[in-house]
Protein backbone atom coordinates (compact mmCIF):
# COMPACT_ATOMS: atom_id res chain seq x y z
CA MET A 1 60.91 22.48 -22.78
CA LEU A 2 61.76 20.44 -25.80
CA TYR A 3 58.07 19.76 -26.39
CA ILE A 4 57.17 23.46 -26.52
CA HIS A 5 59.66 24.10 -29.30
CA LEU A 6 58.35 21.21 -31.36
CA GLY A 7 54.70 22.24 -30.98
CA PHE A 8 53.58 19.39 -28.67
CA PHE A 9 52.67 21.64 -25.77
CA MET A 10 48.97 20.82 -25.60
CA GLY A 11 49.26 17.36 -24.09
CA ILE A 12 47.80 14.02 -25.07
CA HIS A 13 44.22 14.87 -23.95
CA TYR A 14 43.92 18.05 -25.97
CA ASP A 15 41.41 16.69 -28.47
CA TYR A 16 39.15 14.92 -25.93
CA LYS A 17 36.50 17.63 -25.73
CA SER A 18 36.60 18.39 -29.42
CA THR A 19 35.91 14.77 -30.42
CA LYS A 20 33.64 13.81 -27.50
CA SER A 21 30.35 14.44 -29.32
CA ALA A 22 31.47 12.53 -32.40
CA LYS A 23 32.54 9.56 -30.27
CA LEU A 24 29.22 9.58 -28.39
CA MET A 25 27.29 9.59 -31.68
CA GLU A 26 29.38 6.67 -32.95
CA LYS A 27 28.70 4.73 -29.75
CA GLN A 28 24.96 5.39 -30.02
CA ALA A 29 24.91 4.28 -33.66
CA LYS A 30 26.86 1.14 -32.78
CA ARG A 31 24.48 0.37 -29.91
CA GLU A 32 21.39 0.85 -32.13
CA LYS A 33 22.92 -1.32 -34.85
CA LYS A 34 23.65 -4.10 -32.36
CA LEU A 35 20.10 -3.96 -30.97
CA ALA A 36 18.62 -4.06 -34.48
CA GLU A 37 20.75 -7.10 -35.31
CA LYS A 38 19.63 -8.87 -32.13
CA LYS A 39 15.99 -8.10 -32.90
CA ALA A 40 16.32 -9.36 -36.47
CA LYS A 41 18.04 -12.52 -35.28
CA ARG A 42 15.33 -13.15 -32.66
CA LEU A 43 12.55 -12.61 -35.22
CA ALA A 44 14.24 -14.95 -37.67
CA LYS A 45 14.60 -17.60 -34.99
CA ASP A 46 11.13 -17.39 -33.44
CA GLY A 47 9.15 -15.90 -36.28
CA PRO A 48 6.71 -13.07 -35.81
CA LYS A 49 4.84 -13.21 -32.55
CA LYS A 50 1.21 -14.22 -32.81
CA ASP A 51 -1.38 -13.21 -30.26
CA GLU A 52 -2.92 -16.64 -29.67
CA THR A 53 -4.23 -15.95 -26.19
CA LYS A 54 -6.69 -13.34 -27.34
CA ALA A 55 -9.63 -13.10 -25.01
CA PRO A 56 -13.05 -13.33 -26.63
CA THR A 57 -14.87 -10.03 -26.81
CA LEU A 58 -18.36 -9.54 -25.51
CA ASP A 59 -21.28 -9.18 -27.88
CA THR A 60 -22.48 -5.62 -27.55
CA SER A 61 -26.01 -6.47 -28.65
CA LYS A 62 -26.56 -8.76 -25.63
CA PRO A 63 -27.10 -7.24 -22.20
CA ILE A 64 -24.79 -8.25 -19.36
CA THR A 65 -26.82 -10.20 -16.84
CA LEU A 66 -26.11 -11.32 -13.31
CA ASP A 67 -26.04 -14.92 -14.51
CA PHE A 68 -23.33 -14.10 -17.04
CA LEU A 69 -21.24 -12.32 -14.44
CA THR A 70 -21.45 -15.15 -11.91
CA ASN A 71 -21.03 -18.01 -14.39
CA PRO A 72 -19.44 -16.74 -17.62
CA ASN A 73 -18.61 -20.24 -18.96
CA LYS A 74 -22.25 -21.23 -19.15
CA GLU A 75 -23.64 -20.86 -22.66
């Protein structure tokens, strides 16, 4: 009863719902910041990724023959 007279009648979890959305937004911002830092660190360490294993494209002016399909390494 002493708590009611002093104004502490709501309990310790009174502000949980009122601050839940703000806490979730802070967590999301913290998570995004951490992921951005990891990505920046990885890019600084490895450098930008280069696509070295690019497959050669076919020449559109040449027709695709049976010989090309069965033995594509022959030139």
